[in-house]
């Protein structure tokens, strides 16, 4: 079996990143989703494109694919929450794919006892990539091939705080790979009936 130098280089760099990010992971009670931002900031092949922070009310989080229903684009399932929303977008460069970086972040989350996956989809099962990019995340650069999109939602419960973490990856081409991260710190006064 022939293995290219590029594949070896990619595997080595991802392994090195895994060791570095794993070493910085906090214990479940002290874990914060901000660790994901720190991991991406430390990853030399992720270029920050956009970041925004705002207080949101009744912010809709998709817990299902986005689809057209009676002429309108809607999630098959969703929940609305209040809180402080941090939105960040990176371009993934140097031959890495946004999907492999998303998987790396997902592995980081799955090691935390305080993190629970609420929903995930890949490719066409997520629905319209254009709607995810423009309507959901307000970041047109994320729009790419429908087969190359991935979306994950996690609930993270920590001491004194509750979060929803959304990861989305999209690819326009092999050298135009993008990763988006939403971190919503849930307002503690949200109604009990919400997720």
C-alpha atoms as a PDB file:
ATOM      1  CA  UNK A   1       0.000   0.000   0.000  1.00  0.00           C
ATOM      2  CA  UNK A   2       1.372   3.388  -0.995  1.00  0.00           C
ATOM      3  CA  UNK A   3       1.113   6.238   1.524  1.00  0.00           C
ATOM      4  CA  UNK A   4       1.765   9.771   0.340  1.00  0.00           C
ATOM      5  CA  UNK A   5       4.059  12.188   2.163  1.00  0.00           C
ATOM      6  CA  UNK A   6       1.095  14.583   2.484  1.00  0.00           C
ATOM      7  CA  UNK A   7      -1.007  11.943   4.302  1.00  0.00           C
ATOM      8  CA  UNK A   8       1.887  11.172   6.680  1.00  0.00           C
ATOM      9  CA  UNK A   9       2.414  14.884   7.342  1.00  0.00           C
ATOM     10  CA  UNK A  10      -1.312  15.407   7.971  1.00  0.00           C
ATOM     11  CA  UNK A  11      -1.485  12.404  10.327  1.00  0.00           C
ATOM     12  CA  UNK A  12       1.607  13.574  12.237  1.00  0.00           C
ATOM     13  CA  UNK A  13       0.339  17.130  12.665  1.00  0.00           C
ATOM     14  CA  UNK A  14      -3.113  15.957  13.808  1.00  0.00           C
ATOM     15  CA  UNK A  15      -1.471  13.578  16.285  1.00  0.00           C
ATOM     16  CA  UNK A  16       0.716  16.395  17.623  1.00  0.00           C
ATOM     17  CA  UNK A  17      -2.348  18.641  17.914  1.00  0.00           C
ATOM     18  CA  UNK A  18      -4.226  15.855  19.727  1.00  0.00           C
ATOM     19  CA  UNK A  19      -1.423  15.523  22.277  1.00  0.00           C
ATOM     20  CA  UNK A  20      -1.255  19.273  22.860  1.00  0.00           C
ATOM     21  CA  UNK A  21      -5.035  19.752  23.101  1.00  0.00           C
ATOM     22  CA  UNK A  22      -5.458  16.632  25.249  1.00  0.00           C
ATOM     23  CA  UNK A  23      -2.840  17.872  27.680  1.00  0.00           C
ATOM     24  CA  UNK A  24      -4.786  21.101  28.148  1.00  0.00           C
ATOM     25  CA  UNK A  25      -8.170  19.476  28.697  1.00  0.00           C
ATOM     26  CA  UNK A  26      -9.671  20.312  32.052  1.00  0.00           C
ATOM     27  CA  UNK A  27     -11.433  17.953  34.426  1.00  0.00           C
ATOM     28  CA  UNK A  28     -15.183  17.480  33.776  1.00  0.00           C
ATOM     29  CA  UNK A  29     -16.251  19.812  36.584  1.00  0.00           C
ATOM     30  CA  UNK A  30     -13.893  22.579  35.445  1.00  0.00           C
ATOM     31  CA  UNK A  31     -14.309  22.095  31.703  1.00  0.00           C
ATOM     32  CA  UNK A  32     -15.394  25.033  29.567  1.00  0.00           C
ATOM     33  CA  UNK A  33     -16.207  24.988  25.833  1.00  0.00           C
ATOM     34  CA  UNK A  34     -13.724  27.864  25.546  1.00  0.00           C
ATOM     35  CA  UNK A  35     -11.122  25.066  25.412  1.00  0.00           C
ATOM     36  CA  UNK A  36     -12.314  24.386  21.839  1.00  0.00           C
ATOM     37  CA  UNK A  37     -11.572  27.980  20.853  1.00  0.00           C
ATOM     38  CA  UNK A  38      -8.136  27.706  22.476  1.00  0.00           C
ATOM     39  CA  UNK A  39      -7.453  24.472  20.554  1.00  0.00           C
ATOM     40  CA  UNK A  40      -8.315  26.138  17.262  1.00  0.00           C
ATOM     41  CA  UNK A  41      -6.281  29.221  18.096  1.00  0.00           C
ATOM     42  CA  UNK A  42      -3.298  26.953  18.813  1.00  0.00           C
ATOM     43  CA  UNK A  43      -3.763  24.971  15.586  1.00  0.00           C
ATOM     44  CA  UNK A  44      -1.451  26.617  13.022  1.00  0.00           C
ATOM     45  CA  UNK A  45      -3.627  25.560  10.075  1.00  0.00           C
ATOM     46  CA  UNK A  46      -6.771  27.402  11.215  1.00  0.00           C
ATOM     47  CA  UNK A  47      -7.032  31.054  10.158  1.00  0.00           C
ATOM     48  CA  UNK A  48      -9.578  33.152  12.056  1.00  0.00           C
ATOM     49  CA  UNK A  49     -12.008  34.818   9.637  1.00  0.00           C
ATOM     50  CA  UNK A  50     -14.812  36.142  11.812  1.00  0.00           C
ATOM     51  CA  UNK A  51     -15.810  36.391  15.461  1.00  0.00           C
ATOM     52  CA  UNK A  52     -18.774  37.966  17.140  1.00  0.00           C
ATOM     53  CA  UNK A  53     -20.297  37.992  20.606  1.00  0.00           C
ATOM     54  CA  UNK A  54     -23.821  39.068  21.485  1.00  0.00           C
ATOM     55  CA  UNK A  55     -26.659  38.554  23.936  1.00  0.00           C
ATOM     56  CA  UNK A  56     -29.507  36.646  22.264  1.00  0.00           C
ATOM     57  CA  UNK A  57     -33.127  36.012  23.146  1.00  0.00           C
ATOM     58  CA  UNK A  58     -35.100  33.031  21.783  1.00  0.00           C
ATOM     59  CA  UNK A  59     -32.100  31.979  19.695  1.00  0.00           C
ATOM     60  CA  UNK A  60     -33.026  28.930  17.603  1.00  0.00           C
ATOM     61  CA  UNK A  61     -30.731  25.906  17.718  1.00  0.00           C
ATOM     62  CA  UNK A  62     -31.300  23.224  15.089  1.00  0.00           C
ATOM     63  CA  UNK A  63     -31.694  19.697  16.449  1.00  0.00           C
ATOM     64  CA  UNK A  64     -32.525  18.251  13.042  1.00  0.00           C
ATOM     65  CA  UNK A  65     -31.866  18.901   9.364  1.00  0.00           C
ATOM     66  CA  UNK A  66     -33.019  22.118   7.742  1.00  0.00           C
ATOM     67  CA  UNK A  67     -35.735  21.550   5.144  1.00  0.00           C
ATOM     68  CA  UNK A  68     -38.404  23.348   3.187  1.00  0.00           C
ATOM     69  CA  UNK A  69     -41.909  23.069   4.609  1.00  0.00           C
ATOM     70  CA  UNK A  70     -44.874  24.926   3.080  1.00  0.00           C
ATOM     71  CA  UNK A  71     -42.515  27.324   1.297  1.00  0.00           C
ATOM     72  CA  UNK A  72     -40.377  28.152   4.358  1.00  0.00           C
ATOM     73  CA  UNK A  73     -37.004  26.792   5.480  1.00  0.00           C
ATOM     74  CA  UNK A  74     -37.332  25.247   8.947  1.00  0.00           C
ATOM     75  CA  UNK A  75     -35.534  22.757  11.176  1.00  0.00           C
ATOM     76  CA  UNK A  76     -37.137  19.346  11.535  1.00  0.00           C
ATOM     77  CA  UNK A  77     -36.609  19.879  15.273  1.00  0.00           C
ATOM     78  CA  UNK A  78     -35.192  22.814  17.224  1.00  0.00           C
ATOM     79  CA  UNK A  79     -35.136  24.568  20.567  1.00  0.00           C
ATOM     80  CA  UNK A  80     -35.002  28.265  21.450  1.00  0.00           C
ATOM     81  CA  UNK A  81     -32.735  29.568  24.200  1.00  0.00           C
ATOM     82  CA  UNK A  82     -31.553  32.833  25.724  1.00  0.00           C
ATOM     83  CA  UNK A  83     -27.970  33.626  26.613  1.00  0.00           C
ATOM     84  CA  UNK A  84     -24.638  34.983  25.456  1.00  0.00           C
ATOM     85  CA  UNK A  85     -23.645  33.740  22.017  1.00  0.00           C
ATOM     86  CA  UNK A  86     -20.098  33.573  20.739  1.00  0.00           C
ATOM     87  CA  UNK A  87     -19.735  32.906  16.968  1.00  0.00           C
ATOM     88  CA  UNK A  88     -16.386  32.073  15.384  1.00  0.00           C
ATOM     89  CA  UNK A  89     -15.376  31.051  11.856  1.00  0.00           C
ATOM     90  CA  UNK A  90     -12.034  29.740  10.642  1.00  0.00           C
ATOM     91  CA  UNK A  91     -10.590  28.790   7.276  1.00  0.00           C
ATOM     92  CA  UNK A  92      -8.705  25.485   7.460  1.00  0.00           C
ATOM     93  CA  UNK A  93      -5.574  25.572   5.291  1.00  0.00           C
ATOM     94  CA  UNK A  94      -2.440  23.647   4.260  1.00  0.00           C
ATOM     95  CA  UNK A  95      -4.211  20.529   3.006  1.00  0.00           C
ATOM     96  CA  UNK A  96      -6.284  19.840   6.132  1.00  0.00           C
ATOM     97  CA  UNK A  97     -10.036  19.434   5.773  1.00  0.00           C
ATOM     98  CA  UNK A  98     -12.609  21.191   7.902  1.00  0.00           C
ATOM     99  CA  UNK A  99     -14.337  17.849   8.503  1.00  0.00           C
ATOM    100  CA  UNK A 100     -11.226  16.263  10.049  1.00  0.00           C
ATOM    101  CA  UNK A 101     -10.776  19.292  12.307  1.00  0.00           C
ATOM    102  CA  UNK A 102     -14.458  19.080  13.329  1.00  0.00           C
ATOM    103  CA  UNK A 103     -13.921  15.408  14.201  1.00  0.00           C
ATOM    104  CA  UNK A 104     -10.895  16.339  16.316  1.00  0.00           C
ATOM    105  CA  UNK A 105     -12.962  18.889  18.257  1.00  0.00           C
ATOM    106  CA  UNK A 106     -15.754  16.352  18.629  1.00  0.00           C
ATOM    107  CA  UNK A 107     -13.290  13.867  20.137  1.00  0.00           C
ATOM    108  CA  UNK A 108     -12.242  16.552  22.605  1.00  0.00           C
ATOM    109  CA  UNK A 109     -15.890  17.071  23.588  1.00  0.00           C
ATOM    110  CA  UNK A 110     -16.666  13.360  23.819  1.00  0.00           C
ATOM    111  CA  UNK A 111     -13.897  12.910  26.429  1.00  0.00           C
ATOM    112  CA  UNK A 112     -15.806  15.227  28.763  1.00  0.00           C
ATOM    113  CA  UNK A 113     -18.367  13.659  31.099  1.00  0.00           C
ATOM    114  CA  UNK A 114     -20.146  17.008  31.122  1.00  0.00           C
ATOM    115  CA  UNK A 115     -20.782  16.978  27.332  1.00  0.00           C
ATOM    116  CA  UNK A 116     -23.774  15.250  25.722  1.00  0.00           C
ATOM    117  CA  UNK A 117     -24.318  15.056  21.972  1.00  0.00           C
ATOM    118  CA  UNK A 118     -27.844  16.190  21.093  1.00  0.00           C
ATOM    119  CA  UNK A 119     -27.722  15.944  17.302  1.00  0.00           C
ATOM    120  CA  UNK A 120     -25.365  15.310  14.421  1.00  0.00           C
ATOM    121  CA  UNK A 121     -25.589  14.952  10.650  1.00  0.00           C
ATOM    122  CA  UNK A 122     -23.286  14.697   7.647  1.00  0.00           C
ATOM    123  CA  UNK A 123     -23.651  15.494   3.973  1.00  0.00           C
ATOM    124  CA  UNK A 124     -27.076  15.750   2.379  1.00  0.00           C
ATOM    125  CA  UNK A 125     -28.706  14.413   5.562  1.00  0.00           C
ATOM    126  CA  UNK A 126     -28.186  17.907   7.056  1.00  0.00           C
ATOM    127  CA  UNK A 127     -30.353  19.586   4.427  1.00  0.00           C
ATOM    128  CA  UNK A 128     -29.581  22.714   2.414  1.00  0.00           C
ATOM    129  CA  UNK A 129     -25.975  23.922   2.805  1.00  0.00           C
ATOM    130  CA  UNK A 130     -26.986  27.341   1.550  1.00  0.00           C
ATOM    131  CA  UNK A 131     -29.516  27.696   4.374  1.00  0.00           C
ATOM    132  CA  UNK A 132     -27.010  26.560   7.020  1.00  0.00           C
ATOM    133  CA  UNK A 133     -24.450  29.064   5.779  1.00  0.00           C
ATOM    134  CA  UNK A 134     -26.690  32.088   5.244  1.00  0.00           C
ATOM    135  CA  UNK A 135     -29.796  31.708   7.413  1.00  0.00           C
ATOM    136  CA  UNK A 136     -28.456  29.766  10.383  1.00  0.00           C
ATOM    137  CA  UNK A 137     -24.890  31.028  10.776  1.00  0.00           C
ATOM    138  CA  UNK A 138     -24.946  34.233   8.688  1.00  0.00           C
ATOM    139  CA  UNK A 139     -21.596  33.300   7.134  1.00  0.00           C
ATOM    140  CA  UNK A 140     -21.878  32.811   3.350  1.00  0.00           C
ATOM    141  CA  UNK A 141     -18.327  31.397   3.137  1.00  0.00           C
ATOM    142  CA  UNK A 142     -19.571  28.214   4.806  1.00  0.00           C
ATOM    143  CA  UNK A 143     -21.705  27.338   1.785  1.00  0.00           C
ATOM    144  CA  UNK A 144     -20.137  24.549  -0.207  1.00  0.00           C
ATOM    145  CA  UNK A 145     -20.800  21.098  -1.568  1.00  0.00           C
ATOM    146  CA  UNK A 146     -23.772  19.421   0.141  1.00  0.00           C
ATOM    147  CA  UNK A 147     -21.844  16.150   0.523  1.00  0.00           C
ATOM    148  CA  UNK A 148     -19.037  17.893   2.442  1.00  0.00           C
ATOM    149  CA  UNK A 149     -21.013  19.491   5.276  1.00  0.00           C
ATOM    150  CA  UNK A 150     -21.149  18.259   8.877  1.00  0.00           C
ATOM    151  CA  UNK A 151     -23.098  19.612  11.856  1.00  0.00           C
ATOM    152  CA  UNK A 152     -22.995  18.730  15.560  1.00  0.00           C
ATOM    153  CA  UNK A 153     -24.800  20.032  18.652  1.00  0.00           C
ATOM    154  CA  UNK A 154     -23.628  19.360  22.213  1.00  0.00           C
ATOM    155  CA  UNK A 155     -25.006  20.279  25.618  1.00  0.00           C
ATOM    156  CA  UNK A 156     -22.244  21.013  28.120  1.00  0.00           C
ATOM    157  CA  UNK A 157     -23.069  21.271  31.823  1.00  0.00           C
ATOM    158  CA  UNK A 158     -20.317  22.656  34.033  1.00  0.00           C
ATOM    159  CA  UNK A 159     -20.129  23.894  37.574  1.00  0.00           C
ATOM    160  CA  UNK A 160     -22.238  27.037  37.548  1.00  0.00           C
ATOM    161  CA  UNK A 161     -22.836  27.215  33.780  1.00  0.00           C
ATOM    162  CA  UNK A 162     -24.711  25.504  30.959  1.00  0.00           C
ATOM    163  CA  UNK A 163     -23.748  25.706  27.281  1.00  0.00           C
ATOM    164  CA  UNK A 164     -24.844  24.650  23.822  1.00  0.00           C
ATOM    165  CA  UNK A 165     -21.937  24.041  21.437  1.00  0.00           C
ATOM    166  CA  UNK A 166     -22.569  23.912  17.674  1.00  0.00           C
ATOM    167  CA  UNK A 167     -19.922  22.794  15.183  1.00  0.00           C
ATOM    168  CA  UNK A 168     -20.373  23.142  11.429  1.00  0.00           C
ATOM    169  CA  UNK A 169     -17.904  22.352   8.661  1.00  0.00           C
ATOM    170  CA  UNK A 170     -18.277  23.169   4.992  1.00  0.00           C
ATOM    171  CA  UNK A 171     -16.040  22.921   1.939  1.00  0.00           C
ATOM    172  CA  UNK A 172     -16.217  24.855  -1.301  1.00  0.00           C
ATOM    173  CA  UNK A 173     -13.161  23.080  -2.725  1.00  0.00           C
ATOM    174  CA  UNK A 174     -10.077  21.251  -1.441  1.00  0.00           C
ATOM    175  CA  UNK A 175      -8.381  24.553  -0.603  1.00  0.00           C
ATOM    176  CA  UNK A 176     -11.480  26.423   0.606  1.00  0.00           C
ATOM    177  CA  UNK A 177     -12.363  24.606   3.824  1.00  0.00           C
ATOM    178  CA  UNK A 178     -14.271  26.360   6.604  1.00  0.00           C
ATOM    179  CA  UNK A 179     -15.197  25.562  10.197  1.00  0.00           C
ATOM    180  CA  UNK A 180     -17.756  27.413  12.316  1.00  0.00           C
ATOM    181  CA  UNK A 181     -18.251  27.238  16.078  1.00  0.00           C
ATOM    182  CA  UNK A 182     -21.176  28.629  18.091  1.00  0.00           C
ATOM    183  CA  UNK A 183     -20.937  28.623  21.884  1.00  0.00           C
ATOM    184  CA  UNK A 184     -24.107  29.695  23.674  1.00  0.00           C
ATOM    185  CA  UNK A 185     -23.803  30.232  27.412  1.00  0.00           C
ATOM    186  CA  UNK A 186     -27.378  29.652  28.464  1.00  0.00           C
ATOM    187  CA  UNK A 187     -29.056  32.280  30.616  1.00  0.00           C
ATOM    188  CA  UNK A 188     -29.744  30.560  33.968  1.00  0.00           C
ATOM    189  CA  UNK A 189     -33.219  32.139  34.054  1.00  0.00           C
ATOM    190  CA  UNK A 190     -34.383  30.214  30.968  1.00  0.00           C
ATOM    191  CA  UNK A 191     -37.695  28.407  31.493  1.00  0.00           C
ATOM    192  CA  UNK A 192     -37.403  24.908  32.939  1.00  0.00           C
ATOM    193  CA  UNK A 193     -39.224  23.426  29.932  1.00  0.00           C
ATOM    194  CA  UNK A 194     -36.367  24.177  27.523  1.00  0.00           C
ATOM    195  CA  UNK A 195     -33.494  21.825  26.678  1.00  0.00           C
END
